[in-house]
């Protein structure tokens, strides 16, 4: 299959992943002519929540004015969004070296200093106290990029939830279940259990709803959903959330 045939095949794909792949083709110029304006149109106009590699493309484009107006603040946002959306691991910066070299090679620009700064920002951000993370996460929900699943808000609210902030946990879980936030490996299950076990009926509801939406994980998932929803319905819940829990519980 030639580069052109591959590009046409990718362009025929439906869904957000196909859009992210075709944006990469226009960015590199393999198969279709290089077109940064087209890349910007695709990435800023579609759901790119799970296409974190493309965040670096956007950062490079805003940093150097490729297909968009040069904007340092927006470039920094997208570089930070990449690290905020990436799985937590000690060698994250080292693992990102290949992507950095690839983007630099394709676009003929430098972005290593900005990526190093963004990585340092992420490490510092994760060390902030839960209340501060919650406040900043809520602010980024209002100013962040919806097409990318509010990556900075996602990271901050989840980190605050893991550190024991109940309000952050409930907001993050609601947004995750509504598919408005959340990257890969960011499920609310990792932090909801502690709040549900401590007596939060809302946390138990969201945990039950999470398991109900993921019954394909294993044969025990449906039972877990039922157990947590039963616990939730025995407690105090807002009317709308109680109705939602009851509807799922009856299935």
C-alpha atoms as a PDB file:
ATOM      1  CA  UNK A   1       0.000   0.000   0.000  1.00  0.00           C
ATOM      2  CA  UNK A   2       1.435   3.367  -1.021  1.00  0.00           C
ATOM      3  CA  UNK A   3       1.512   6.400   1.268  1.00  0.00           C
ATOM      4  CA  UNK A   4      -1.328   7.910  -0.755  1.00  0.00           C
ATOM      5  CA  UNK A   5      -3.475   4.781  -0.506  1.00  0.00           C
ATOM      6  CA  UNK A   6      -2.834   4.560   3.236  1.00  0.00           C
ATOM      7  CA  UNK A   7      -3.764   8.226   3.676  1.00  0.00           C
ATOM      8  CA  UNK A   8      -7.001   7.736   1.730  1.00  0.00           C
ATOM      9  CA  UNK A   9      -7.822   4.666   3.832  1.00  0.00           C
ATOM     10  CA  UNK A  10      -7.265   6.604   7.078  1.00  0.00           C
ATOM     11  CA  UNK A  11      -9.310   9.520   5.740  1.00  0.00           C
ATOM     12  CA  UNK A  12     -12.260   7.135   5.234  1.00  0.00           C
ATOM     13  CA  UNK A  13     -12.216   6.046   8.876  1.00  0.00           C
ATOM     14  CA  UNK A  14     -14.978   7.297  11.141  1.00  0.00           C
ATOM     15  CA  UNK A  15     -14.588   8.348  14.749  1.00  0.00           C
ATOM     16  CA  UNK A  16     -12.092  10.489  16.674  1.00  0.00           C
ATOM     17  CA  UNK A  17      -9.104   8.142  16.320  1.00  0.00           C
ATOM     18  CA  UNK A  18      -9.340   8.334  12.525  1.00  0.00           C
ATOM     19  CA  UNK A  19      -9.370  12.134  12.705  1.00  0.00           C
ATOM     20  CA  UNK A  20      -6.234  12.143  14.844  1.00  0.00           C
ATOM     21  CA  UNK A  21      -4.447   9.800  12.450  1.00  0.00           C
ATOM     22  CA  UNK A  22      -5.348  11.857   9.404  1.00  0.00           C
ATOM     23  CA  UNK A  23      -4.150  14.993  11.204  1.00  0.00           C
ATOM     24  CA  UNK A  24      -0.787  13.295  11.678  1.00  0.00           C
ATOM     25  CA  UNK A  25      -0.656  12.551   7.939  1.00  0.00           C
ATOM     26  CA  UNK A  26      -1.308  16.199   7.047  1.00  0.00           C
ATOM     27  CA  UNK A  27       1.305  17.247   9.633  1.00  0.00           C
ATOM     28  CA  UNK A  28       3.987  14.967   8.186  1.00  0.00           C
ATOM     29  CA  UNK A  29       3.036  15.284   4.510  1.00  0.00           C
ATOM     30  CA  UNK A  30       3.110  11.519   3.918  1.00  0.00           C
ATOM     31  CA  UNK A  31       0.369  10.604   1.436  1.00  0.00           C
ATOM     32  CA  UNK A  32      -1.292  14.010   1.391  1.00  0.00           C
ATOM     33  CA  UNK A  33       0.472  17.373   0.987  1.00  0.00           C
ATOM     34  CA  UNK A  34       1.634  18.934   4.252  1.00  0.00           C
ATOM     35  CA  UNK A  35      -1.097  21.304   5.442  1.00  0.00           C
ATOM     36  CA  UNK A  36      -0.808  22.779   8.935  1.00  0.00           C
ATOM     37  CA  UNK A  37      -4.028  24.758   8.606  1.00  0.00           C
ATOM     38  CA  UNK A  38      -5.844  21.491   7.876  1.00  0.00           C
ATOM     39  CA  UNK A  39      -4.203  19.911  10.941  1.00  0.00           C
ATOM     40  CA  UNK A  40      -5.488  22.757  13.114  1.00  0.00           C
ATOM     41  CA  UNK A  41      -8.973  22.469  11.610  1.00  0.00           C
ATOM     42  CA  UNK A  42      -9.117  18.744  12.342  1.00  0.00           C
ATOM     43  CA  UNK A  43      -7.619  18.776  15.834  1.00  0.00           C
ATOM     44  CA  UNK A  44      -9.455  21.828  17.148  1.00  0.00           C
ATOM     45  CA  UNK A  45     -12.785  20.796  15.645  1.00  0.00           C
ATOM     46  CA  UNK A  46     -13.051  17.147  16.690  1.00  0.00           C
ATOM     47  CA  UNK A  47     -12.908  14.973  19.786  1.00  0.00           C
ATOM     48  CA  UNK A  48      -9.191  14.329  20.319  1.00  0.00           C
ATOM     49  CA  UNK A  49      -9.491  13.227  23.954  1.00  0.00           C
ATOM     50  CA  UNK A  50      -7.499  10.013  23.448  1.00  0.00           C
ATOM     51  CA  UNK A  51      -4.973  11.344  20.921  1.00  0.00           C
ATOM     52  CA  UNK A  52      -2.417  12.807  23.292  1.00  0.00           C
ATOM     53  CA  UNK A  53       0.431  12.653  20.759  1.00  0.00           C
ATOM     54  CA  UNK A  54      -1.396  15.237  18.668  1.00  0.00           C
ATOM     55  CA  UNK A  55      -1.231  17.672  21.577  1.00  0.00           C
ATOM     56  CA  UNK A  56       2.488  18.026  20.823  1.00  0.00           C
ATOM     57  CA  UNK A  57       1.653  18.839  17.198  1.00  0.00           C
ATOM     58  CA  UNK A  58      -0.623  21.638  18.380  1.00  0.00           C
ATOM     59  CA  UNK A  59       2.036  22.909  20.777  1.00  0.00           C
ATOM     60  CA  UNK A  60       4.613  23.065  17.996  1.00  0.00           C
ATOM     61  CA  UNK A  61       2.151  24.782  15.661  1.00  0.00           C
ATOM     62  CA  UNK A  62       1.214  27.505  18.150  1.00  0.00           C
ATOM     63  CA  UNK A  63       4.844  27.930  19.218  1.00  0.00           C
ATOM     64  CA  UNK A  64       6.086  28.510  15.676  1.00  0.00           C
ATOM     65  CA  UNK A  65       2.958  29.843  13.933  1.00  0.00           C
ATOM     66  CA  UNK A  66       2.423  26.818  11.685  1.00  0.00           C
ATOM     67  CA  UNK A  67      -1.101  27.001  10.255  1.00  0.00           C
ATOM     68  CA  UNK A  68      -2.249  29.092  13.234  1.00  0.00           C
ATOM     69  CA  UNK A  69      -1.330  32.440  14.723  1.00  0.00           C
ATOM     70  CA  UNK A  70       1.759  32.211  16.916  1.00  0.00           C
ATOM     71  CA  UNK A  71       0.680  32.085  20.575  1.00  0.00           C
ATOM     72  CA  UNK A  72       3.138  31.116  23.298  1.00  0.00           C
ATOM     73  CA  UNK A  73       0.470  30.651  25.977  1.00  0.00           C
ATOM     74  CA  UNK A  74      -1.496  28.238  23.790  1.00  0.00           C
ATOM     75  CA  UNK A  75       1.695  26.377  22.884  1.00  0.00           C
ATOM     76  CA  UNK A  76       2.523  25.948  26.564  1.00  0.00           C
ATOM     77  CA  UNK A  77      -1.035  24.742  27.222  1.00  0.00           C
ATOM     78  CA  UNK A  78      -0.793  21.944  24.660  1.00  0.00           C
ATOM     79  CA  UNK A  79       2.697  20.846  25.741  1.00  0.00           C
ATOM     80  CA  UNK A  80       1.422  20.668  29.317  1.00  0.00           C
ATOM     81  CA  UNK A  81      -1.725  18.896  28.160  1.00  0.00           C
ATOM     82  CA  UNK A  82       0.406  16.155  26.633  1.00  0.00           C
ATOM     83  CA  UNK A  83       2.175  15.405  29.900  1.00  0.00           C
ATOM     84  CA  UNK A  84      -0.986  15.865  31.968  1.00  0.00           C
ATOM     85  CA  UNK A  85      -2.763  13.249  29.823  1.00  0.00           C
ATOM     86  CA  UNK A  86       0.095  10.751  29.721  1.00  0.00           C
ATOM     87  CA  UNK A  87       0.168   7.734  32.082  1.00  0.00           C
ATOM     88  CA  UNK A  88       2.119   8.401  35.257  1.00  0.00           C
ATOM     89  CA  UNK A  89       5.554   6.769  35.180  1.00  0.00           C
ATOM     90  CA  UNK A  90       9.067   7.800  36.267  1.00  0.00           C
ATOM     91  CA  UNK A  91      10.548   7.621  32.760  1.00  0.00           C
ATOM     92  CA  UNK A  92       7.848   9.759  31.105  1.00  0.00           C
ATOM     93  CA  UNK A  93      10.236  12.418  29.786  1.00  0.00           C
ATOM     94  CA  UNK A  94      12.649   9.773  28.518  1.00  0.00           C
ATOM     95  CA  UNK A  95       9.814   7.919  26.789  1.00  0.00           C
ATOM     96  CA  UNK A  96       8.742  11.163  25.099  1.00  0.00           C
ATOM     97  CA  UNK A  97      12.100  11.735  23.412  1.00  0.00           C
ATOM     98  CA  UNK A  98      11.073   9.772  20.308  1.00  0.00           C
ATOM     99  CA  UNK A  99       7.905  11.809  19.858  1.00  0.00           C
ATOM    100  CA  UNK A 100       9.822  15.062  20.287  1.00  0.00           C
ATOM    101  CA  UNK A 101      12.401  14.079  17.656  1.00  0.00           C
ATOM    102  CA  UNK A 102       9.658  12.909  15.309  1.00  0.00           C
ATOM    103  CA  UNK A 103       7.718  16.185  15.507  1.00  0.00           C
ATOM    104  CA  UNK A 104      10.905  18.265  15.212  1.00  0.00           C
ATOM    105  CA  UNK A 105      11.942  16.283  12.141  1.00  0.00           C
ATOM    106  CA  UNK A 106       8.566  16.584  10.420  1.00  0.00           C
ATOM    107  CA  UNK A 107       8.075  20.286  11.104  1.00  0.00           C
ATOM    108  CA  UNK A 108      11.710  21.398  11.032  1.00  0.00           C
ATOM    109  CA  UNK A 109      11.372  23.245  14.339  1.00  0.00           C
ATOM    110  CA  UNK A 110      12.759  23.000  17.850  1.00  0.00           C
ATOM    111  CA  UNK A 111      10.517  22.228  20.805  1.00  0.00           C
ATOM    112  CA  UNK A 112      12.713  20.304  23.256  1.00  0.00           C
ATOM    113  CA  UNK A 113      13.124  23.219  25.743  1.00  0.00           C
ATOM    114  CA  UNK A 114       9.367  23.782  25.856  1.00  0.00           C
ATOM    115  CA  UNK A 115       8.684  20.087  26.387  1.00  0.00           C
ATOM    116  CA  UNK A 116      11.228  19.888  29.212  1.00  0.00           C
ATOM    117  CA  UNK A 117       9.586  22.916  30.854  1.00  0.00           C
ATOM    118  CA  UNK A 118       6.139  21.341  30.470  1.00  0.00           C
ATOM    119  CA  UNK A 119       7.342  18.127  32.078  1.00  0.00           C
ATOM    120  CA  UNK A 120       8.774  20.072  35.035  1.00  0.00           C
ATOM    121  CA  UNK A 121       5.451  21.899  35.334  1.00  0.00           C
ATOM    122  CA  UNK A 122       3.624  18.583  35.555  1.00  0.00           C
ATOM    123  CA  UNK A 123       5.874  17.285  38.318  1.00  0.00           C
ATOM    124  CA  UNK A 124       5.433  20.501  40.310  1.00  0.00           C
ATOM    125  CA  UNK A 125       1.688  20.513  39.717  1.00  0.00           C
ATOM    126  CA  UNK A 126       1.258  17.005  41.104  1.00  0.00           C
ATOM    127  CA  UNK A 127       2.937  18.079  44.357  1.00  0.00           C
ATOM    128  CA  UNK A 128       0.398  20.801  45.110  1.00  0.00           C
ATOM    129  CA  UNK A 129      -2.076  20.303  48.014  1.00  0.00           C
ATOM    130  CA  UNK A 130      -5.470  18.755  47.147  1.00  0.00           C
ATOM    131  CA  UNK A 131      -7.488  21.946  47.727  1.00  0.00           C
ATOM    132  CA  UNK A 132      -5.235  23.913  45.389  1.00  0.00           C
ATOM    133  CA  UNK A 133      -5.450  21.193  42.743  1.00  0.00           C
ATOM    134  CA  UNK A 134      -9.235  21.193  43.079  1.00  0.00           C
ATOM    135  CA  UNK A 135      -9.468  24.969  42.651  1.00  0.00           C
ATOM    136  CA  UNK A 136      -7.167  24.997  39.631  1.00  0.00           C
ATOM    137  CA  UNK A 137      -8.919  21.991  38.113  1.00  0.00           C
ATOM    138  CA  UNK A 138     -12.289  23.715  38.368  1.00  0.00           C
ATOM    139  CA  UNK A 139     -10.832  26.827  36.759  1.00  0.00           C
ATOM    140  CA  UNK A 140      -9.444  24.804  33.845  1.00  0.00           C
ATOM    141  CA  UNK A 141     -12.881  23.289  33.284  1.00  0.00           C
ATOM    142  CA  UNK A 142     -14.019  26.793  32.328  1.00  0.00           C
ATOM    143  CA  UNK A 143     -11.001  27.758  30.246  1.00  0.00           C
ATOM    144  CA  UNK A 144      -9.624  24.465  28.922  1.00  0.00           C
ATOM    145  CA  UNK A 145     -10.044  22.672  25.617  1.00  0.00           C
ATOM    146  CA  UNK A 146     -13.236  20.594  25.532  1.00  0.00           C
ATOM    147  CA  UNK A 147     -12.142  18.785  22.354  1.00  0.00           C
ATOM    148  CA  UNK A 148      -9.219  17.333  24.308  1.00  0.00           C
ATOM    149  CA  UNK A 149     -11.280  16.338  27.339  1.00  0.00           C
ATOM    150  CA  UNK A 150     -10.030  19.226  29.482  1.00  0.00           C
ATOM    151  CA  UNK A 151      -6.648  17.520  30.020  1.00  0.00           C
ATOM    152  CA  UNK A 152      -5.306  19.853  32.705  1.00  0.00           C
ATOM    153  CA  UNK A 153      -8.570  19.811  34.662  1.00  0.00           C
ATOM    154  CA  UNK A 154      -8.647  16.030  34.292  1.00  0.00           C
ATOM    155  CA  UNK A 155      -5.155  15.623  35.758  1.00  0.00           C
ATOM    156  CA  UNK A 156      -5.672  18.088  38.601  1.00  0.00           C
ATOM    157  CA  UNK A 157      -9.078  16.835  39.722  1.00  0.00           C
ATOM    158  CA  UNK A 158      -7.948  13.230  39.573  1.00  0.00           C
ATOM    159  CA  UNK A 159      -4.803  13.957  41.564  1.00  0.00           C
ATOM    160  CA  UNK A 160      -6.841  15.839  44.171  1.00  0.00           C
ATOM    161  CA  UNK A 161      -9.273  12.901  44.339  1.00  0.00           C
ATOM    162  CA  UNK A 162      -6.426  10.432  44.855  1.00  0.00           C
ATOM    163  CA  UNK A 163      -5.175  12.651  47.695  1.00  0.00           C
ATOM    164  CA  UNK A 164      -8.547  12.456  49.455  1.00  0.00           C
ATOM    165  CA  UNK A 165     -10.564  15.422  48.133  1.00  0.00           C
ATOM    166  CA  UNK A 166     -14.175  14.211  47.957  1.00  0.00           C
ATOM    167  CA  UNK A 167     -15.615  17.071  45.874  1.00  0.00           C
ATOM    168  CA  UNK A 168     -12.859  16.617  43.281  1.00  0.00           C
ATOM    169  CA  UNK A 169     -13.584  12.881  43.175  1.00  0.00           C
ATOM    170  CA  UNK A 170     -17.324  13.369  42.630  1.00  0.00           C
ATOM    171  CA  UNK A 171     -16.896  15.994  39.909  1.00  0.00           C
ATOM    172  CA  UNK A 172     -14.189  14.023  38.100  1.00  0.00           C
ATOM    173  CA  UNK A 173     -16.231  10.812  38.261  1.00  0.00           C
ATOM    174  CA  UNK A 174     -19.362  12.524  36.922  1.00  0.00           C
ATOM    175  CA  UNK A 175     -17.466  14.057  34.015  1.00  0.00           C
ATOM    176  CA  UNK A 176     -15.708  10.766  33.292  1.00  0.00           C
ATOM    177  CA  UNK A 177     -18.967   8.811  33.214  1.00  0.00           C
ATOM    178  CA  UNK A 178     -20.466  11.445  30.913  1.00  0.00           C
ATOM    179  CA  UNK A 179     -17.450  11.017  28.564  1.00  0.00           C
ATOM    180  CA  UNK A 180     -16.485  14.683  28.920  1.00  0.00           C
ATOM    181  CA  UNK A 181     -13.165  14.096  30.606  1.00  0.00           C
ATOM    182  CA  UNK A 182     -10.603  11.375  31.061  1.00  0.00           C
ATOM    183  CA  UNK A 183      -7.728   9.883  29.140  1.00  0.00           C
ATOM    184  CA  UNK A 184      -6.632   6.260  29.029  1.00  0.00           C
ATOM    185  CA  UNK A 185      -5.979   4.656  32.443  1.00  0.00           C
ATOM    186  CA  UNK A 186      -7.846   7.463  34.202  1.00  0.00           C
ATOM    187  CA  UNK A 187     -10.905   5.572  35.442  1.00  0.00           C
ATOM    188  CA  UNK A 188     -12.514   6.782  38.706  1.00  0.00           C
ATOM    189  CA  UNK A 189     -12.416   3.286  40.190  1.00  0.00           C
ATOM    190  CA  UNK A 190      -8.936   3.891  41.613  1.00  0.00           C
ATOM    191  CA  UNK A 191     -10.149   6.600  43.995  1.00  0.00           C
ATOM    192  CA  UNK A 192     -13.935   6.148  44.375  1.00  0.00           C
ATOM    193  CA  UNK A 193     -13.719   2.954  46.433  1.00  0.00           C
ATOM    194  CA  UNK A 194     -12.166   4.655  49.461  1.00  0.00           C
ATOM    195  CA  UNK A 195     -14.904   7.306  49.553  1.00  0.00           C
ATOM    196  CA  UNK A 196     -17.680   4.764  49.019  1.00  0.00           C
ATOM    197  CA  UNK A 197     -16.338   2.555  51.796  1.00  0.00           C
ATOM    198  CA  UNK A 198     -16.152   5.605  54.063  1.00  0.00           C
ATOM    199  CA  UNK A 199     -19.876   6.176  53.630  1.00  0.00           C
ATOM    200  CA  UNK A 200     -20.282   8.565  50.694  1.00  0.00           C
ATOM    201  CA  UNK A 201     -23.513   7.554  48.959  1.00  0.00           C
ATOM    202  CA  UNK A 202     -22.630   9.671  45.919  1.00  0.00           C
ATOM    203  CA  UNK A 203     -19.247   7.975  45.559  1.00  0.00           C
ATOM    204  CA  UNK A 204     -20.943   4.577  45.885  1.00  0.00           C
ATOM    205  CA  UNK A 205     -23.392   5.608  43.145  1.00  0.00           C
ATOM    206  CA  UNK A 206     -20.652   6.638  40.738  1.00  0.00           C
ATOM    207  CA  UNK A 207     -18.725   3.458  41.503  1.00  0.00           C
ATOM    208  CA  UNK A 208     -21.824   1.402  40.784  1.00  0.00           C
ATOM    209  CA  UNK A 209     -22.471   3.317  37.563  1.00  0.00           C
ATOM    210  CA  UNK A 210     -18.852   2.790  36.520  1.00  0.00           C
ATOM    211  CA  UNK A 211     -19.124  -0.977  36.956  1.00  0.00           C
ATOM    212  CA  UNK A 212     -22.529  -1.011  35.235  1.00  0.00           C
ATOM    213  CA  UNK A 213     -20.998   0.668  32.168  1.00  0.00           C
ATOM    214  CA  UNK A 214     -18.084  -1.764  32.131  1.00  0.00           C
ATOM    215  CA  UNK A 215     -19.762  -5.141  32.568  1.00  0.00           C
ATOM    216  CA  UNK A 216     -17.509  -6.650  29.909  1.00  0.00           C
ATOM    217  CA  UNK A 217     -14.435  -6.403  32.195  1.00  0.00           C
ATOM    218  CA  UNK A 218     -15.199  -9.725  33.910  1.00  0.00           C
ATOM    219  CA  UNK A 219     -18.105 -11.830  35.217  1.00  0.00           C
ATOM    220  CA  UNK A 220     -18.035 -10.146  38.622  1.00  0.00           C
ATOM    221  CA  UNK A 221     -18.543  -6.596  37.341  1.00  0.00           C
ATOM    222  CA  UNK A 222     -22.347  -6.748  37.231  1.00  0.00           C
ATOM    223  CA  UNK A 223     -22.455  -8.000  40.815  1.00  0.00           C
ATOM    224  CA  UNK A 224     -20.159  -5.193  41.924  1.00  0.00           C
ATOM    225  CA  UNK A 225     -22.371  -2.631  40.221  1.00  0.00           C
ATOM    226  CA  UNK A 226     -25.430  -4.027  41.979  1.00  0.00           C
ATOM    227  CA  UNK A 227     -23.669  -4.102  45.357  1.00  0.00           C
ATOM    228  CA  UNK A 228     -22.475  -0.503  45.224  1.00  0.00           C
ATOM    229  CA  UNK A 229     -25.785   0.827  43.882  1.00  0.00           C
ATOM    230  CA  UNK A 230     -27.652  -0.982  46.669  1.00  0.00           C
ATOM    231  CA  UNK A 231     -25.347   0.658  49.213  1.00  0.00           C
ATOM    232  CA  UNK A 232     -25.813   4.038  47.559  1.00  0.00           C
ATOM    233  CA  UNK A 233     -29.611   3.844  47.524  1.00  0.00           C
ATOM    234  CA  UNK A 234     -29.605   3.218  51.262  1.00  0.00           C
ATOM    235  CA  UNK A 235     -27.999   6.632  51.816  1.00  0.00           C
ATOM    236  CA  UNK A 236     -28.766  10.279  51.103  1.00  0.00           C
ATOM    237  CA  UNK A 237     -28.613  11.210  47.419  1.00  0.00           C
ATOM    238  CA  UNK A 238     -29.713  14.168  45.277  1.00  0.00           C
ATOM    239  CA  UNK A 239     -33.006  13.341  43.547  1.00  0.00           C
ATOM    240  CA  UNK A 240     -31.529  13.193  40.048  1.00  0.00           C
ATOM    241  CA  UNK A 241     -28.664  10.915  41.060  1.00  0.00           C
ATOM    242  CA  UNK A 242     -31.039   8.658  43.019  1.00  0.00           C
ATOM    243  CA  UNK A 243     -33.261   8.278  39.961  1.00  0.00           C
ATOM    244  CA  UNK A 244     -30.238   7.432  37.824  1.00  0.00           C
ATOM    245  CA  UNK A 245     -29.044   4.848  40.333  1.00  0.00           C
ATOM    246  CA  UNK A 246     -32.491   3.250  40.562  1.00  0.00           C
ATOM    247  CA  UNK A 247     -32.818   3.028  36.792  1.00  0.00           C
ATOM    248  CA  UNK A 248     -29.485   1.221  36.468  1.00  0.00           C
ATOM    249  CA  UNK A 249     -30.109  -0.954  39.535  1.00  0.00           C
ATOM    250  CA  UNK A 250     -33.345  -2.345  38.019  1.00  0.00           C
ATOM    251  CA  UNK A 251     -31.559  -3.603  34.896  1.00  0.00           C
END
